[in-house]
PDB file of N, CA and C in Angstrom:
ATOM      1  N   UNK A   1      53.805  17.813   1.897  1.00  0.00           N
ATOM      2  CA  UNK A   1      53.749  19.264   1.986  1.00  0.00           C
ATOM      3  C   UNK A   1      53.488  19.666   3.441  1.00  0.00           C
ATOM      4  N   UNK A   2      54.355  20.465   4.032  1.00  0.00           N
ATOM      5  CA  UNK A   2      54.158  20.845   5.439  1.00  0.00           C
ATOM      6  C   UNK A   2      52.976  21.797   5.605  1.00  0.00           C
ATOM      7  N   UNK A   3      52.395  21.771   6.773  1.00  0.00           N
ATOM      8  CA  UNK A   3      51.315  22.709   7.078  1.00  0.00           C
ATOM      9  C   UNK A   3      51.890  24.118   7.123  1.00  0.00           C
ATOM     10  N   UNK A   4      51.058  25.075   6.740  1.00  0.00           N
ATOM     11  CA  UNK A   4      51.480  26.468   6.691  1.00  0.00           C
ATOM     12  C   UNK A   4      50.832  27.247   7.822  1.00  0.00           C
ATOM     13  N   UNK A   5      51.653  27.984   8.550  1.00  0.00           N
ATOM     14  CA  UNK A   5      51.178  28.833   9.637  1.00  0.00           C
ATOM     15  C   UNK A   5      51.351  30.283   9.199  1.00  0.00           C
ATOM     16  N   UNK A   6      50.251  31.025   9.211  1.00  0.00           N
ATOM     17  CA  UNK A   6      50.305  32.442   8.890  1.00  0.00           C
ATOM     18  C   UNK A   6      50.808  33.198  10.105  1.00  0.00           C
ATOM     19  N   UNK A   7      51.738  34.106   9.881  1.00  0.00           N
ATOM     20  CA  UNK A   7      52.300  34.909  10.961  1.00  0.00           C
ATOM     21  C   UNK A   7      52.037  36.381  10.670  1.00  0.00           C
ATOM     22  N   UNK A   8      51.305  37.024  11.581  1.00  0.00           N
ATOM     23  CA  UNK A   8      51.010  38.446  11.471  1.00  0.00           C
ATOM     24  C   UNK A   8      51.606  39.123  12.699  1.00  0.00           C
ATOM     25  N   UNK A   9      52.691  39.860  12.480  1.00  0.00           N
ATOM     26  CA  UNK A   9      53.456  40.465  13.585  1.00  0.00           C
ATOM     27  C   UNK A   9      54.263  41.622  13.028  1.00  0.00           C
ATOM     28  N   UNK A  10      54.140  42.792  13.647  1.00  0.00           N
ATOM     29  CA  UNK A  10      54.859  43.952  13.126  1.00  0.00           C
ATOM     30  C   UNK A  10      56.140  44.285  13.878  1.00  0.00           C
ATOM     31  N   UNK A  11      56.466  43.540  14.919  1.00  0.00           N
ATOM     32  CA  UNK A  11      57.749  43.724  15.605  1.00  0.00           C
ATOM     33  C   UNK A  11      58.712  42.675  15.063  1.00  0.00           C
ATOM     34  N   UNK A  12      59.723  43.131  14.339  1.00  0.00           N
ATOM     35  CA  UNK A  12      60.600  42.233  13.592  1.00  0.00           C
ATOM     36  C   UNK A  12      61.264  41.161  14.452  1.00  0.00           C
ATOM     37  N   UNK A  13      61.802  41.530  15.594  1.00  0.00           N
ATOM     38  CA  UNK A  13      62.480  40.531  16.440  1.00  0.00           C
ATOM     39  C   UNK A  13      61.508  39.479  16.952  1.00  0.00           C
ATOM     40  N   UNK A  14      60.315  39.904  17.335  1.00  0.00           N
ATOM     41  CA  UNK A  14      59.293  38.959  17.779  1.00  0.00           C
ATOM     42  C   UNK A  14      58.912  38.039  16.618  1.00  0.00           C
ATOM     43  N   UNK A  15      58.755  38.617  15.438  1.00  0.00           N
ATOM     44  CA  UNK A  15      58.393  37.820  14.266  1.00  0.00           C
ATOM     45  C   UNK A  15      59.442  36.743  13.986  1.00  0.00           C
ATOM     46  N   UNK A  16      60.717  37.097  14.076  1.00  0.00           N
ATOM     47  CA  UNK A  16      61.778  36.108  13.848  1.00  0.00           C
ATOM     48  C   UNK A  16      61.732  34.998  14.887  1.00  0.00           C
ATOM     49  N   UNK A  17      61.497  35.352  16.151  1.00  0.00           N
ATOM     50  CA  UNK A  17      61.404  34.337  17.208  1.00  0.00           C
ATOM     51  C   UNK A  17      60.239  33.379  16.959  1.00  0.00           C
ATOM     52  N   UNK A  18      59.081  33.937  16.618  1.00  0.00           N
ATOM     53  CA  UNK A  18      57.909  33.096  16.363  1.00  0.00           C
ATOM     54  C   UNK A  18      58.130  32.241  15.119  1.00  0.00           C
ATOM     55  N   UNK A  19      58.734  32.810  14.104  1.00  0.00           N
ATOM     56  CA  UNK A  19      59.038  32.042  12.896  1.00  0.00           C
ATOM     57  C   UNK A  19      59.934  30.849  13.233  1.00  0.00           C
ATOM     58  N   UNK A  20      60.942  31.054  14.064  1.00  0.00           N
ATOM     59  CA  UNK A  20      61.827  29.954  14.479  1.00  0.00           C
ATOM     60  C   UNK A  20      61.051  28.856  15.198  1.00  0.00           C
ATOM     61  N   UNK A  21      60.124  29.248  16.072  1.00  0.00           N
ATOM     62  CA  UNK A  21      59.311  28.271  16.817  1.00  0.00           C
ATOM     63  C   UNK A  21      58.483  27.435  15.837  1.00  0.00           C
ATOM     64  N   UNK A  22      57.865  28.090  14.876  1.00  0.00           N
ATOM     65  CA  UNK A  22      57.020  27.409  13.897  1.00  0.00           C
ATOM     66  C   UNK A  22      57.850  26.465  13.027  1.00  0.00           C
ATOM     67  N   UNK A  23      58.958  26.971  12.503  1.00  0.00           N
ATOM     68  CA  UNK A  23      59.789  26.159  11.608  1.00  0.00           C
ATOM     69  C   UNK A  23      60.454  24.989  12.330  1.00  0.00           C
ATOM     70  N   UNK A  24      60.727  25.143  13.617  1.00  0.00           N
ATOM     71  CA  UNK A  24      61.318  24.046  14.397  1.00  0.00           C
ATOM     72  C   UNK A  24      60.371  22.849  14.494  1.00  0.00           C
ATOM     73  N   UNK A  25      59.082  23.088  14.276  1.00  0.00           N
ATOM     74  CA  UNK A  25      58.102  21.997  14.305  1.00  0.00           C
ATOM     75  C   UNK A  25      57.869  21.394  12.923  1.00  0.00           C
ATOM     76  N   UNK A  26      58.593  21.896  11.921  1.00  0.00           N
ATOM     77  CA  UNK A  26      58.482  21.361  10.575  1.00  0.00           C
ATOM     78  C   UNK A  26      57.394  22.017   9.742  1.00  0.00           C
ATOM     79  N   UNK A  27      56.829  23.110  10.231  1.00  0.00           N
ATOM     80  CA  UNK A  27      55.799  23.833   9.480  1.00  0.00           C
ATOM     81  C   UNK A  27      56.442  24.942   8.665  1.00  0.00           C
ATOM     82  N   UNK A  28      55.760  25.354   7.607  1.00  0.00           N
ATOM     83  CA  UNK A  28      56.234  26.509   6.858  1.00  0.00           C
ATOM     84  C   UNK A  28      55.502  27.754   7.350  1.00  0.00           C
ATOM     85  N   UNK A  29      56.145  28.900   7.161  1.00  0.00           N
ATOM     86  CA  UNK A  29      55.600  30.171   7.635  1.00  0.00           C
ATOM     87  C   UNK A  29      55.163  31.006   6.446  1.00  0.00           C
ATOM     88  N   UNK A  30      53.940  31.511   6.523  1.00  0.00           N
ATOM     89  CA  UNK A  30      53.444  32.477   5.553  1.00  0.00           C
ATOM     90  C   UNK A  30      53.476  33.829   6.256  1.00  0.00           C
ATOM     91  N   UNK A  31      54.377  34.688   5.838  1.00  0.00           N
ATOM     92  CA  UNK A  31      54.565  35.973   6.507  1.00  0.00           C
ATOM     93  C   UNK A  31      56.021  36.116   6.921  1.00  0.00           C
ATOM     94  N   UNK A  32      56.307  36.991   7.818  1.00  0.00           N
ATOM     95  CA  UNK A  32      55.349  37.751   8.631  1.00  0.00           C
ATOM     96  C   UNK A  32      54.733  38.924   7.861  1.00  0.00           C
ATOM     97  N   UNK A  33      53.452  39.130   8.143  1.00  0.00           N
ATOM     98  CA  UNK A  33      52.733  40.287   7.631  1.00  0.00           C
ATOM     99  C   UNK A  33      52.708  41.342   8.722  1.00  0.00           C
ATOM    100  N   UNK A  34      52.971  42.590   8.345  1.00  0.00           N
ATOM    101  CA  UNK A  34      53.101  43.637   9.359  1.00  0.00           C
ATOM    102  C   UNK A  34      51.923  44.600   9.380  1.00  0.00           C
ATOM    103  N   UNK A  35      50.964  44.392   8.469  1.00  0.00           N
ATOM    104  CA  UNK A  35      49.818  45.296   8.428  1.00  0.00           C
ATOM    105  C   UNK A  35      48.527  44.507   8.246  1.00  0.00           C
ATOM    106  N   UNK A  36      47.429  45.125   8.651  1.00  0.00           N
ATOM    107  CA  UNK A  36      46.116  44.524   8.451  1.00  0.00           C
ATOM    108  C   UNK A  36      45.867  44.340   6.961  1.00  0.00           C
ATOM    109  N   UNK A  37      46.205  45.351   6.180  1.00  0.00           N
ATOM    110  CA  UNK A  37      46.000  45.302   4.727  1.00  0.00           C
ATOM    111  C   UNK A  37      46.688  44.086   4.112  1.00  0.00           C
ATOM    112  N   UNK A  38      47.952  43.873   4.463  1.00  0.00           N
ATOM    113  CA  UNK A  38      48.700  42.742   3.911  1.00  0.00           C
ATOM    114  C   UNK A  38      48.149  41.406   4.415  1.00  0.00           C
ATOM    115  N   UNK A  39      47.735  41.357   5.678  1.00  0.00           N
ATOM    116  CA  UNK A  39      47.187  40.124   6.247  1.00  0.00           C
ATOM    117  C   UNK A  39      45.872  39.742   5.562  1.00  0.00           C
ATOM    118  N   UNK A  40      45.001  40.723   5.347  1.00  0.00           N
ATOM    119  CA  UNK A  40      43.726  40.456   4.669  1.00  0.00           C
ATOM    120  C   UNK A  40      43.983  39.966   3.239  1.00  0.00           C
ATOM    121  N   UNK A  41      44.905  40.594   2.539  1.00  0.00           N
ATOM    122  CA  UNK A  41      45.239  40.169   1.175  1.00  0.00           C
ATOM    123  C   UNK A  41      45.787  38.740   1.167  1.00  0.00           C
ATOM    124  N   UNK A  42      46.603  38.403   2.150  1.00  0.00           N
ATOM    125  CA  UNK A  42      47.180  37.057   2.227  1.00  0.00           C
ATOM    126  C   UNK A  42      46.103  36.003   2.465  1.00  0.00           C
ATOM    127  N   UNK A  43      45.147  36.312   3.353  1.00  0.00           N
ATOM    128  CA  UNK A  43      44.046  35.381   3.620  1.00  0.00           C
ATOM    129  C   UNK A  43      43.214  35.176   2.351  1.00  0.00           C
ATOM    130  N   UNK A  44      42.986  36.255   1.623  1.00  0.00           N
ATOM    131  CA  UNK A  44      42.207  36.164   0.389  1.00  0.00           C
ATOM    132  C   UNK A  44      42.927  35.325  -0.666  1.00  0.00           C
ATOM    133  N   UNK A  45      44.255  35.363  -0.655  1.00  0.00           N
ATOM    134  CA  UNK A  45      45.041  34.640  -1.652  1.00  0.00           C
ATOM    135  C   UNK A  45      45.134  33.148  -1.351  1.00  0.00           C
ATOM    136  N   UNK A  46      45.309  32.804  -0.066  1.00  0.00           N
ATOM    137  CA  UNK A  46      45.473  31.399   0.297  1.00  0.00           C
ATOM    138  C   UNK A  46      45.252  31.234   1.792  1.00  0.00           C
ATOM    139  N   UNK A  47      44.442  30.244   2.166  1.00  0.00           N
ATOM    140  CA  UNK A  47      44.175  29.995   3.584  1.00  0.00           C
ATOM    141  C   UNK A  47      45.300  29.162   4.195  1.00  0.00           C
ATOM    142  N   UNK A  48      45.780  29.560   5.367  1.00  0.00           N
ATOM    143  CA  UNK A  48      46.797  28.776   6.063  1.00  0.00           C
ATOM    144  C   UNK A  48      46.145  27.636   6.860  1.00  0.00           C
ATOM    145  N   UNK A  49      46.973  26.781   7.428  1.00  0.00           N
ATOM    146  CA  UNK A  49      46.481  25.722   8.312  1.00  0.00           C
ATOM    147  C   UNK A  49      46.117  26.275   9.678  1.00  0.00           C
ATOM    148  N   UNK A  50      46.796  27.349  10.067  1.00  0.00           N
ATOM    149  CA  UNK A  50      46.626  27.986  11.370  1.00  0.00           C
ATOM    150  C   UNK A  50      47.203  29.396  11.247  1.00  0.00           C
ATOM    151  N   UNK A  51      46.824  30.288  12.176  1.00  0.00           N
ATOM    152  CA  UNK A  51      47.351  31.656  12.122  1.00  0.00           C
ATOM    153  C   UNK A  51      47.748  32.129  13.508  1.00  0.00           C
ATOM    154  N   UNK A  52      48.912  32.771  13.587  1.00  0.00           N
ATOM    155  CA  UNK A  52      49.387  33.417  14.811  1.00  0.00           C
ATOM    156  C   UNK A  52      49.320  34.914  14.551  1.00  0.00           C
ATOM    157  N   UNK A  53      48.456  35.590  15.312  1.00  0.00           N
ATOM    158  CA  UNK A  53      48.159  36.991  15.032  1.00  0.00           C
ATOM    159  C   UNK A  53      48.486  37.902  16.203  1.00  0.00           C
ATOM    160  N   UNK A  54      49.288  38.920  15.943  1.00  0.00           N
ATOM    161  CA  UNK A  54      49.419  40.026  16.881  1.00  0.00           C
ATOM    162  C   UNK A  54      48.161  40.868  16.691  1.00  0.00           C
ATOM    163  N   UNK A  55      47.707  41.546  17.735  1.00  0.00           N
ATOM    164  CA  UNK A  55      46.465  42.311  17.627  1.00  0.00           C
ATOM    165  C   UNK A  55      46.708  43.710  17.068  1.00  0.00           C
ATOM    166  N   UNK A  56      47.667  44.410  17.623  1.00  0.00           N
ATOM    167  CA  UNK A  56      47.934  45.782  17.176  1.00  0.00           C
ATOM    168  C   UNK A  56      49.035  45.786  16.132  1.00  0.00           C
ATOM    169  N   UNK A  57      48.684  46.294  14.941  1.00  0.00           N
ATOM    170  CA  UNK A  57      49.630  46.343  13.833  1.00  0.00           C
ATOM    171  C   UNK A  57      49.846  47.784  13.411  1.00  0.00           C
ATOM    172  N   UNK A  58      50.699  47.981  12.418  1.00  0.00           N
ATOM    173  CA  UNK A  58      51.051  49.329  11.975  1.00  0.00           C
ATOM    174  C   UNK A  58      49.841  50.145  11.523  1.00  0.00           C
ATOM    175  N   UNK A  59      48.873  49.478  10.914  1.00  0.00           N
ATOM    176  CA  UNK A  59      47.729  50.208  10.361  1.00  0.00           C
ATOM    177  C   UNK A  59      46.405  49.902  11.068  1.00  0.00           C
ATOM    178  N   UNK A  60      46.473  49.395  12.295  1.00  0.00           N
ATOM    179  CA  UNK A  60      45.239  49.139  13.044  1.00  0.00           C
ATOM    180  C   UNK A  60      45.248  47.770  13.704  1.00  0.00           C
ATOM    181  N   UNK A  61      44.053  47.325  14.102  1.00  0.00           N
ATOM    182  CA  UNK A  61      43.929  46.025  14.770  1.00  0.00           C
ATOM    183  C   UNK A  61      43.636  44.934  13.746  1.00  0.00           C
ATOM    184  N   UNK A  62      44.060  43.744  14.056  1.00  0.00           N
ATOM    185  CA  UNK A  62      44.065  42.612  13.132  1.00  0.00           C
ATOM    186  C   UNK A  62      42.678  42.008  12.873  1.00  0.00           C
ATOM    187  N   UNK A  63      41.638  42.536  13.478  1.00  0.00           N
ATOM    188  CA  UNK A  63      40.336  41.885  13.445  1.00  0.00           C
ATOM    189  C   UNK A  63      39.742  41.639  12.053  1.00  0.00           C
ATOM    190  N   UNK A  64      39.930  42.513  11.053  1.00  0.00           N
ATOM    191  CA  UNK A  64      39.400  42.167   9.723  1.00  0.00           C
ATOM    192  C   UNK A  64      39.982  40.851   9.186  1.00  0.00           C
ATOM    193  N   UNK A  65      41.261  40.628   9.394  1.00  0.00           N
ATOM    194  CA  UNK A  65      41.879  39.362   8.967  1.00  0.00           C
ATOM    195  C   UNK A  65      41.394  38.212   9.837  1.00  0.00           C
ATOM    196  N   UNK A  66      41.294  38.427  11.142  1.00  0.00           N
ATOM    197  CA  UNK A  66      40.818  37.382  12.051  1.00  0.00           C
ATOM    198  C   UNK A  66      39.395  36.962  11.709  1.00  0.00           C
ATOM    199  N   UNK A  67      38.557  37.931  11.345  1.00  0.00           N
ATOM    200  CA  UNK A  67      37.180  37.607  10.963  1.00  0.00           C
ATOM    201  C   UNK A  67      37.147  36.690   9.747  1.00  0.00           C
ATOM    202  N   UNK A  68      37.980  36.980   8.756  1.00  0.00           N
ATOM    203  CA  UNK A  68      38.046  36.143   7.554  1.00  0.00           C
ATOM    204  C   UNK A  68      38.545  34.740   7.889  1.00  0.00           C
ATOM    205  N   UNK A  69      39.573  34.664   8.719  1.00  0.00           N
ATOM    206  CA  UNK A  69      40.122  33.361   9.114  1.00  0.00           C
ATOM    207  C   UNK A  69      39.088  32.547   9.880  1.00  0.00           C
ATOM    208  N   UNK A  70      38.406  33.195  10.821  1.00  0.00           N
ATOM    209  CA  UNK A  70      37.403  32.483  11.617  1.00  0.00           C
ATOM    210  C   UNK A  70      36.272  31.972  10.728  1.00  0.00           C
ATOM    211  N   UNK A  71      35.804  32.814   9.829  1.00  0.00           N
ATOM    212  CA  UNK A  71      34.723  32.423   8.920  1.00  0.00           C
ATOM    213  C   UNK A  71      35.125  31.211   8.078  1.00  0.00           C
ATOM    214  N   UNK A  72      36.409  31.126   7.722  1.00  0.00           N
ATOM    215  CA  UNK A  72      36.920  30.009   6.918  1.00  0.00           C
ATOM    216  C   UNK A  72      37.254  28.779   7.757  1.00  0.00           C
ATOM    217  N   UNK A  73      37.138  28.882   9.078  1.00  0.00           N
ATOM    218  CA  UNK A  73      37.421  27.743   9.950  1.00  0.00           C
ATOM    219  C   UNK A  73      38.889  27.528  10.253  1.00  0.00           C
ATOM    220  N   UNK A  74      39.716  28.543  10.037  1.00  0.00           N
ATOM    221  CA  UNK A  74      41.152  28.430  10.306  1.00  0.00           C
ATOM    222  C   UNK A  74      41.404  28.679  11.799  1.00  0.00           C
ATOM    223  N   UNK A  75      42.126  27.779  12.480  1.00  0.00           N
ATOM    224  CA  UNK A  75      42.441  28.013  13.896  1.00  0.00           C
ATOM    225  C   UNK A  75      43.300  29.270  14.071  1.00  0.00           C
ATOM    226  N   UNK A  76      42.975  30.044  15.107  1.00  0.00           N
ATOM    227  CA  UNK A  76      43.646  31.310  15.363  1.00  0.00           C
ATOM    228  C   UNK A  76      44.286  31.300  16.742  1.00  0.00           C
ATOM    229  N   UNK A  77      45.512  31.827  16.799  1.00  0.00           N
ATOM    230  CA  UNK A  77      46.182  32.099  18.076  1.00  0.00           C
ATOM    231  C   UNK A  77      46.474  33.589  18.101  1.00  0.00           C
ATOM    232  N   UNK A  78      45.906  34.280  19.079  1.00  0.00           N
ATOM    233  CA  UNK A  78      46.245  35.687  19.269  1.00  0.00           C
ATOM    234  C   UNK A  78      47.487  35.732  20.147  1.00  0.00           C
ATOM    235  N   UNK A  79      48.526  36.376  19.654  1.00  0.00           N
ATOM    236  CA  UNK A  79      49.812  36.472  20.351  1.00  0.00           C
ATOM    237  C   UNK A  79      50.062  37.960  20.553  1.00  0.00           C
ATOM    238  N   UNK A  80      49.624  38.474  21.706  1.00  0.00           N
ATOM    239  CA  UNK A  80      49.639  39.919  21.897  1.00  0.00           C
ATOM    240  C   UNK A  80      49.860  40.289  23.357  1.00  0.00           C
ATOM    241  N   UNK A  81      50.462  41.429  23.545  1.00  0.00           N
ATOM    242  CA  UNK A  81      50.613  41.978  24.881  1.00  0.00           C
ATOM    243  C   UNK A  81      49.704  43.157  25.114  1.00  0.00           C
ATOM    244  N   UNK A  82      48.874  43.470  24.117  1.00  0.00           N
ATOM    245  CA  UNK A  82      48.048  44.677  24.182  1.00  0.00           C
ATOM    246  C   UNK A  82      46.563  44.402  24.086  1.00  0.00           C
ATOM    247  N   UNK A  83      46.141  43.179  24.299  1.00  0.00           N
ATOM    248  CA  UNK A  83      44.726  42.861  24.143  1.00  0.00           C
ATOM    249  C   UNK A  83      44.209  42.145  25.380  1.00  0.00           C
ATOM    250  N   UNK A  84      42.940  42.281  25.629  1.00  0.00           N
ATOM    251  CA  UNK A  84      42.284  41.629  26.761  1.00  0.00           C
ATOM    252  C   UNK A  84      41.870  40.219  26.329  1.00  0.00           C
ATOM    253  N   UNK A  85      42.443  39.206  26.985  1.00  0.00           N
ATOM    254  CA  UNK A  85      42.191  37.817  26.604  1.00  0.00           C
ATOM    255  C   UNK A  85      40.700  37.469  26.678  1.00  0.00           C
ATOM    256  N   UNK A  86      40.005  37.960  27.693  1.00  0.00           N
ATOM    257  CA  UNK A  86      38.584  37.626  27.815  1.00  0.00           C
ATOM    258  C   UNK A  86      37.774  38.263  26.684  1.00  0.00           C
ATOM    259  N   UNK A  87      38.138  39.478  26.278  1.00  0.00           N
ATOM    260  CA  UNK A  87      37.459  40.101  25.138  1.00  0.00           C
ATOM    261  C   UNK A  87      37.697  39.305  23.856  1.00  0.00           C
ATOM    262  N   UNK A  88      38.942  38.854  23.657  1.00  0.00           N
ATOM    263  CA  UNK A  88      39.257  38.068  22.469  1.00  0.00           C
ATOM    264  C   UNK A  88      38.474  36.758  22.462  1.00  0.00           C
ATOM    265  N   UNK A  89      38.380  36.100  23.610  1.00  0.00           N
ATOM    266  CA  UNK A  89      37.672  34.823  23.700  1.00  0.00           C
ATOM    267  C   UNK A  89      36.165  35.014  23.487  1.00  0.00           C
ATOM    268  N   UNK A  90      35.633  36.159  23.923  1.00  0.00           N
ATOM    269  CA  UNK A  90      34.216  36.435  23.671  1.00  0.00           C
ATOM    270  C   UNK A  90      33.962  36.603  22.169  1.00  0.00           C
ATOM    271  N   UNK A  91      34.840  37.327  21.523  1.00  0.00           N
ATOM    272  CA  UNK A  91      34.659  37.605  20.089  1.00  0.00           C
ATOM    273  C   UNK A  91      34.996  36.396  19.219  1.00  0.00           C
ATOM    274  N   UNK A  92      36.022  35.645  19.616  1.00  0.00           N
ATOM    275  CA  UNK A  92      36.496  34.484  18.852  1.00  0.00           C
ATOM    276  C   UNK A  92      36.557  33.286  19.806  1.00  0.00           C
ATOM    277  N   UNK A  93      35.432  32.631  20.001  1.00  0.00           N
ATOM    278  CA  UNK A  93      35.319  31.604  21.044  1.00  0.00           C
ATOM    279  C   UNK A  93      36.251  30.415  20.838  1.00  0.00           C
ATOM    280  N   UNK A  94      36.597  30.119  19.598  1.00  0.00           N
ATOM    281  CA  UNK A  94      37.470  28.965  19.331  1.00  0.00           C
ATOM    282  C   UNK A  94      38.950  29.326  19.313  1.00  0.00           C
ATOM    283  N   UNK A  95      39.270  30.609  19.378  1.00  0.00           N
ATOM    284  CA  UNK A  95      40.666  31.043  19.294  1.00  0.00           C
ATOM    285  C   UNK A  95      41.403  30.785  20.601  1.00  0.00           C
ATOM    286  N   UNK A  96      42.707  30.645  20.484  1.00  0.00           N
ATOM    287  CA  UNK A  96      43.590  30.557  21.648  1.00  0.00           C
ATOM    288  C   UNK A  96      44.252  31.915  21.842  1.00  0.00           C
ATOM    289  N   UNK A  97      44.632  32.193  23.070  1.00  0.00           N
ATOM    290  CA  UNK A  97      45.312  33.452  23.373  1.00  0.00           C
ATOM    291  C   UNK A  97      46.610  33.138  24.107  1.00  0.00           C
ATOM    292  N   UNK A  98      47.725  33.589  23.558  1.00  0.00           N
ATOM    293  CA  UNK A  98      49.035  33.489  24.201  1.00  0.00           C
ATOM    294  C   UNK A  98      49.519  34.922  24.417  1.00  0.00           C
ATOM    295  N   UNK A  99      49.430  35.369  25.645  1.00  0.00           N
ATOM    296  CA  UNK A  99      49.806  36.752  25.931  1.00  0.00           C
ATOM    297  C   UNK A  99      51.321  36.906  25.942  1.00  0.00           C
ATOM    298  N   UNK A 100      51.798  38.006  25.342  1.00  0.00           N
ATOM    299  CA  UNK A 100      53.228  38.323  25.365  1.00  0.00           C
ATOM    300  C   UNK A 100      53.573  38.904  26.730  1.00  0.00           C
ATOM    301  N   UNK A 101      54.717  38.566  27.273  1.00  0.00           N
ATOM    302  CA  UNK A 101      55.651  37.566  26.743  1.00  0.00           C
ATOM    303  C   UNK A 101      55.138  36.153  26.988  1.00  0.00           C
ATOM    304  N   UNK A 102      55.306  35.320  26.001  1.00  0.00           N
ATOM    305  CA  UNK A 102      54.851  33.933  26.046  1.00  0.00           C
ATOM    306  C   UNK A 102      56.074  33.045  25.823  1.00  0.00           C
ATOM    307  N   UNK A 103      56.183  31.992  26.589  1.00  0.00           N
ATOM    308  CA  UNK A 103      57.338  31.116  26.402  1.00  0.00           C
ATOM    309  C   UNK A 103      57.249  30.410  25.052  1.00  0.00           C
ATOM    310  N   UNK A 104      58.390  30.145  24.445  1.00  0.00           N
ATOM    311  CA  UNK A 104      58.368  29.409  23.173  1.00  0.00           C
ATOM    312  C   UNK A 104      57.630  28.067  23.292  1.00  0.00           C
ATOM    313  N   UNK A 105      57.807  27.381  24.421  1.00  0.00           N
ATOM    314  CA  UNK A 105      57.145  26.087  24.599  1.00  0.00           C
ATOM    315  C   UNK A 105      55.624  26.238  24.638  1.00  0.00           C
ATOM    316  N   UNK A 106      55.138  27.275  25.300  1.00  0.00           N
ATOM    317  CA  UNK A 106      53.685  27.489  25.381  1.00  0.00           C
ATOM    318  C   UNK A 106      53.111  27.789  24.004  1.00  0.00           C
ATOM    319  N   UNK A 107      53.793  28.621  23.230  1.00  0.00           N
ATOM    320  CA  UNK A 107      53.309  28.934  21.890  1.00  0.00           C
ATOM    321  C   UNK A 107      53.364  27.692  21.007  1.00  0.00           C
ATOM    322  N   UNK A 108      54.451  26.967  21.062  1.00  0.00           N
ATOM    323  CA  UNK A 108      54.586  25.717  20.278  1.00  0.00           C
ATOM    324  C   UNK A 108      53.461  24.747  20.629  1.00  0.00           C
ATOM    325  N   UNK A 109      53.222  24.540  21.911  1.00  0.00           N
ATOM    326  CA  UNK A 109      52.201  23.588  22.345  1.00  0.00           C
ATOM    327  C   UNK A 109      50.810  24.022  21.903  1.00  0.00           C
ATOM    328  N   UNK A 110      50.563  25.328  21.919  1.00  0.00           N
ATOM    329  CA  UNK A 110      49.262  25.830  21.481  1.00  0.00           C
ATOM    330  C   UNK A 110      49.064  25.599  19.990  1.00  0.00           C
ATOM    331  N   UNK A 111      50.085  25.852  19.205  1.00  0.00           N
ATOM    332  CA  UNK A 111      50.016  25.597  17.765  1.00  0.00           C
ATOM    333  C   UNK A 111      49.726  24.110  17.508  1.00  0.00           C
ATOM    334  N   UNK A 112      50.482  23.247  18.162  1.00  0.00           N
ATOM    335  CA  UNK A 112      50.307  21.796  17.960  1.00  0.00           C
ATOM    336  C   UNK A 112      48.913  21.347  18.386  1.00  0.00           C
ATOM    337  N   UNK A 113      48.422  21.909  19.480  1.00  0.00           N
ATOM    338  CA  UNK A 113      47.092  21.541  19.972  1.00  0.00           C
ATOM    339  C   UNK A 113      45.995  21.955  18.978  1.00  0.00           C
ATOM    340  N   UNK A 114      46.086  23.171  18.463  1.00  0.00           N
ATOM    341  CA  UNK A 114      45.076  23.622  17.501  1.00  0.00           C
ATOM    342  C   UNK A 114      45.123  22.831  16.198  1.00  0.00           C
ATOM    343  N   UNK A 115      46.306  22.468  15.757  1.00  0.00           N
ATOM    344  CA  UNK A 115      46.417  21.704  14.514  1.00  0.00           C
ATOM    345  C   UNK A 115      45.946  20.267  14.687  1.00  0.00           C
ATOM    346  N   UNK A 116      45.955  19.768  15.912  1.00  0.00           N
ATOM    347  CA  UNK A 116      45.524  18.392  16.176  1.00  0.00           C
ATOM    348  C   UNK A 116      43.995  18.286  16.216  1.00  0.00           C
ATOM    349  N   UNK A 117      43.321  19.408  16.430  1.00  0.00           N
ATOM    350  CA  UNK A 117      41.858  19.385  16.553  1.00  0.00           C
ATOM    351  C   UNK A 117      41.184  19.179  15.217  1.00  0.00           C
TER     352      UNK A 117
END
């Protein structure tokens, strides 16, 4: 059974690109979720192996879902162009931050690194 990566992203083209990066590594994708509400419900239903989260979504910031993931010990990658990396690292010390635009190789390597830990 392949590892599952949760994808929370409300920009459709970006979501498709990230999904391709994840699937190219042999992982399955849970999502993309475009709202905080849907992301929180997904976390409650089943924990992923790792999560790639955009910060700003249609209905607010992703932090309620990120809090649940962090509490459960799920590795988090914030993939955003609208957030301060140092603020994210202060709030989520174990999370990785890949600022948009991020190269596919950098995002892939970050996912692989977090899953190896």
